[in-house]
Amino acid sequence: MIEEMMLMANVAVARLFNERKIEALYRIHEAPAGDAIQDLENYLAVFGFESSLSGGKLQKKIGRALEHFSGQP
């Protein structure tokens, strides 16, 4: 939950900077290892999420996974 809040704060700051045309440095993280993505797919499948996370646009796909589980314990 803390990590999710940190990500939300980063996104909010990035949007603010973008809206106000403020220049800033940002970090681009290296892509996760293929086996880590497969492990996450397998884990999410146990809880009913059957979509593939591999093949690009990982952040959007993870966002869809979060939406899938939204409101569930």
N, C-alpha and C. Protein backbone atom coordinates (compact mmCIF):
# COMPACT_ATOMS: atom_id res chain seq x y z
N MET A 1 0.83 -1.18 0.00
CA MET A 1 0.00 0.00 0.00
C MET A 1 0.88 1.26 0.00
N ILE A 2 1.96 1.23 0.74
CA ILE A 2 2.86 2.37 0.79
C ILE A 2 3.46 2.61 -0.59
N GLU A 3 3.90 1.54 -1.25
CA GLU A 3 4.47 1.69 -2.59
C GLU A 3 3.46 2.28 -3.56
N GLU A 4 2.22 1.84 -3.46
CA GLU A 4 1.17 2.35 -4.35
C GLU A 4 0.97 3.85 -4.12
N MET A 5 1.00 4.27 -2.85
CA MET A 5 0.86 5.69 -2.54
C MET A 5 2.05 6.49 -3.07
N MET A 6 3.25 5.92 -2.98
CA MET A 6 4.44 6.59 -3.50
C MET A 6 4.33 6.76 -5.02
N LEU A 7 3.86 5.73 -5.69
CA LEU A 7 3.68 5.82 -7.14
C LEU A 7 2.64 6.87 -7.50
N MET A 8 1.56 6.91 -6.75
CA MET A 8 0.52 7.91 -7.01
C MET A 8 1.06 9.32 -6.81
N ALA A 9 1.89 9.51 -5.79
CA ALA A 9 2.49 10.82 -5.56
C ALA A 9 3.41 11.19 -6.71
N ASN A 10 4.20 10.24 -7.19
CA ASN A 10 5.10 10.51 -8.32
C ASN A 10 4.31 10.91 -9.57
N VAL A 11 3.23 10.21 -9.82
CA VAL A 11 2.39 10.52 -10.99
C VAL A 11 1.78 11.91 -10.85
N ALA A 12 1.32 12.24 -9.65
CA ALA A 12 0.73 13.56 -9.43
C ALA A 12 1.75 14.67 -9.67
N VAL A 13 2.96 14.50 -9.20
CA VAL A 13 4.00 15.50 -9.40
C VAL A 13 4.36 15.60 -10.88
N ALA A 14 4.47 14.46 -11.55
CA ALA A 14 4.79 14.48 -12.97
C ALA A 14 3.71 15.22 -13.76
N ARG A 15 2.46 15.00 -13.42
CA ARG A 15 1.37 15.70 -14.12
C ARG A 15 1.43 17.20 -13.86
N LEU A 16 1.69 17.58 -12.62
CA LEU A 16 1.80 18.99 -12.27
C LEU A 16 2.93 19.65 -13.06
N PHE A 17 4.10 19.02 -13.07
CA PHE A 17 5.24 19.55 -13.81
C PHE A 17 4.90 19.66 -15.29
N ASN A 18 4.26 18.66 -15.83
CA ASN A 18 3.89 18.68 -17.24
C ASN A 18 2.92 19.83 -17.54
N GLU A 19 1.91 19.99 -16.71
CA GLU A 19 0.92 21.04 -16.90
C GLU A 19 1.55 22.43 -16.84
N ARG A 20 2.52 22.59 -15.94
CA ARG A 20 3.16 23.90 -15.75
C ARG A 20 4.43 24.06 -16.57
N LYS A 21 4.70 23.08 -17.42
CA LYS A 21 5.88 23.11 -18.30
C LYS A 21 7.18 23.28 -17.51
N ILE A 22 7.27 22.59 -16.37
CA ILE A 22 8.46 22.61 -15.52
C ILE A 22 9.37 21.48 -15.96
N GLU A 23 10.61 21.82 -16.27
CA GLU A 23 11.56 20.79 -16.67
C GLU A 23 12.05 20.04 -15.44
N ALA A 24 12.26 18.75 -15.60
CA ALA A 24 12.73 17.92 -14.48
C ALA A 24 13.45 16.69 -15.02
N LEU A 25 14.32 16.15 -14.22
CA LEU A 25 14.97 14.88 -14.53
C LEU A 25 14.09 13.76 -14.02
N TYR A 26 14.11 12.66 -14.70
CA TYR A 26 13.38 11.50 -14.21
C TYR A 26 14.18 10.25 -14.49
N ARG A 27 13.87 9.22 -13.76
CA ARG A 27 14.59 7.96 -13.87
C ARG A 27 13.77 6.98 -14.68
N ILE A 28 14.43 6.31 -15.59
CA ILE A 28 13.80 5.23 -16.33
C ILE A 28 14.36 3.92 -15.77
N HIS A 29 13.47 3.12 -15.23
CA HIS A 29 13.89 1.84 -14.66
C HIS A 29 14.10 0.81 -15.76
N GLU A 30 15.04 -0.09 -15.53
CA GLU A 30 15.25 -1.17 -16.48
C GLU A 30 14.04 -2.10 -16.46
N ALA A 31 13.84 -2.76 -17.57
CA ALA A 31 12.70 -3.68 -17.68
C ALA A 31 12.91 -4.87 -16.74
N PRO A 32 11.82 -5.39 -16.17
CA PRO A 32 11.95 -6.57 -15.31
C PRO A 32 12.33 -7.81 -16.13
N ALA A 33 12.94 -8.75 -15.47
CA ALA A 33 13.33 -10.00 -16.12
C ALA A 33 12.07 -10.75 -16.57
N GLY A 34 12.19 -11.46 -17.68
CA GLY A 34 11.06 -12.21 -18.22
C GLY A 34 10.48 -13.22 -17.25
N ASP A 35 11.35 -13.87 -16.46
CA ASP A 35 10.84 -14.85 -15.51
C ASP A 35 10.06 -14.17 -14.38
N ALA A 36 10.40 -12.94 -14.05
CA ALA A 36 9.66 -12.21 -13.01
C ALA A 36 8.25 -11.89 -13.50
N ILE A 37 8.13 -11.52 -14.77
CA ILE A 37 6.82 -11.25 -15.34
C ILE A 37 5.98 -12.52 -15.38
N GLN A 38 6.61 -13.61 -15.77
CA GLN A 38 5.89 -14.89 -15.80
C GLN A 38 5.44 -15.31 -14.40
N ASP A 39 6.29 -15.11 -13.42
CA ASP A 39 5.92 -15.42 -12.03
C ASP A 39 4.72 -14.59 -11.59
N LEU A 40 4.73 -13.30 -11.95
CA LEU A 40 3.60 -12.44 -11.60
C LEU A 40 2.32 -12.89 -12.31
N GLU A 41 2.42 -13.24 -13.58
CA GLU A 41 1.26 -13.75 -14.32
C GLU A 41 0.69 -14.98 -13.63
N ASN A 42 1.55 -15.91 -13.25
CA ASN A 42 1.10 -17.13 -12.58
C ASN A 42 0.43 -16.82 -11.25
N TYR A 43 0.99 -15.88 -10.51
CA TYR A 43 0.44 -15.51 -9.21
C TYR A 43 -0.94 -14.87 -9.39
N LEU A 44 -1.06 -13.94 -10.34
CA LEU A 44 -2.34 -13.27 -10.57
C LEU A 44 -3.39 -14.24 -11.09
N ALA A 45 -2.98 -15.24 -11.86
CA ALA A 45 -3.91 -16.23 -12.40
C ALA A 45 -4.57 -17.03 -11.28
N VAL A 46 -3.85 -17.25 -10.20
CA VAL A 46 -4.42 -17.96 -9.05
C VAL A 46 -5.65 -17.23 -8.52
N PHE A 47 -5.65 -15.90 -8.67
CA PHE A 47 -6.75 -15.09 -8.16
C PHE A 47 -7.74 -14.67 -9.25
N GLY A 48 -7.60 -15.26 -10.45
CA GLY A 48 -8.60 -15.05 -11.49
C GLY A 48 -8.23 -14.06 -12.58
N PHE A 49 -7.02 -13.54 -12.59
CA PHE A 49 -6.61 -12.62 -13.65
C PHE A 49 -5.84 -13.42 -14.68
N GLU A 50 -6.43 -13.56 -15.86
CA GLU A 50 -5.88 -14.46 -16.88
C GLU A 50 -5.16 -13.76 -18.02
N SER A 51 -5.05 -12.45 -18.01
CA SER A 51 -4.41 -11.73 -19.12
C SER A 51 -2.90 -11.84 -19.06
N SER A 52 -2.28 -11.75 -20.22
CA SER A 52 -0.83 -11.80 -20.33
C SER A 52 -0.23 -10.43 -19.99
N LEU A 53 0.88 -10.43 -19.28
CA LEU A 53 1.58 -9.19 -18.97
C LEU A 53 2.78 -8.98 -19.89
N SER A 54 3.17 -10.01 -20.61
CA SER A 54 4.35 -9.90 -21.47
C SER A 54 3.98 -9.25 -22.80
N GLY A 55 4.98 -8.84 -23.55
CA GLY A 55 4.76 -8.30 -24.88
C GLY A 55 4.65 -6.79 -24.95
N GLY A 56 5.17 -6.08 -23.97
CA GLY A 56 5.17 -4.62 -24.03
C GLY A 56 4.02 -3.98 -23.27
N LYS A 57 4.14 -2.68 -23.07
CA LYS A 57 3.14 -1.88 -22.35
C LYS A 57 2.81 -2.48 -20.99
N LEU A 58 3.86 -2.86 -20.26
CA LEU A 58 3.68 -3.53 -18.97
C LEU A 58 2.92 -2.68 -17.97
N GLN A 59 3.22 -1.37 -17.91
CA GLN A 59 2.54 -0.52 -16.93
C GLN A 59 1.03 -0.49 -17.16
N LYS A 60 0.62 -0.40 -18.42
CA LYS A 60 -0.82 -0.39 -18.71
C LYS A 60 -1.45 -1.73 -18.35
N LYS A 61 -0.75 -2.81 -18.60
CA LYS A 61 -1.29 -4.13 -18.29
C LYS A 61 -1.39 -4.33 -16.78
N ILE A 62 -0.41 -3.85 -16.04
CA ILE A 62 -0.48 -3.95 -14.58
C ILE A 62 -1.61 -3.07 -14.07
N GLY A 63 -1.80 -1.92 -14.69
CA GLY A 63 -2.93 -1.06 -14.33
C GLY A 63 -4.26 -1.78 -14.51
N ARG A 64 -4.39 -2.53 -15.61
CA ARG A 64 -5.61 -3.31 -15.83
C ARG A 64 -5.78 -4.39 -14.77
N ALA A 65 -4.67 -4.99 -14.37
CA ALA A 65 -4.73 -6.01 -13.32
C ALA A 65 -5.20 -5.37 -12.01
N LEU A 66 -4.69 -4.19 -11.70
CA LEU A 66 -5.12 -3.50 -10.48
C LEU A 66 -6.60 -3.15 -10.55
N GLU A 67 -7.07 -2.71 -11.72
CA GLU A 67 -8.50 -2.42 -11.89
C GLU A 67 -9.33 -3.69 -11.72
N HIS A 68 -8.84 -4.80 -12.23
CA HIS A 68 -9.54 -6.09 -12.11
C HIS A 68 -9.78 -6.43 -10.64
N PHE A 69 -8.80 -6.15 -9.80
CA PHE A 69 -8.90 -6.53 -8.40
C PHE A 69 -9.44 -5.40 -7.51
N SER A 70 -9.71 -4.26 -8.09
CA SER A 70 -10.20 -3.12 -7.32
C SER A 70 -11.50 -3.47 -6.58
N GLY A 71 -11.54 -3.12 -5.31
CA GLY A 71 -12.73 -3.39 -4.49
C GLY A 71 -12.78 -4.78 -3.92
N GLN A 72 -11.78 -5.60 -4.21
CA GLN A 72 -11.74 -6.96 -3.66
C GLN A 72 -10.73 -7.03 -2.53
N PRO A 73 -10.98 -7.90 -1.56
CA PRO A 73 -10.02 -8.02 -0.46
C PRO A 73 -8.73 -8.68 -0.90
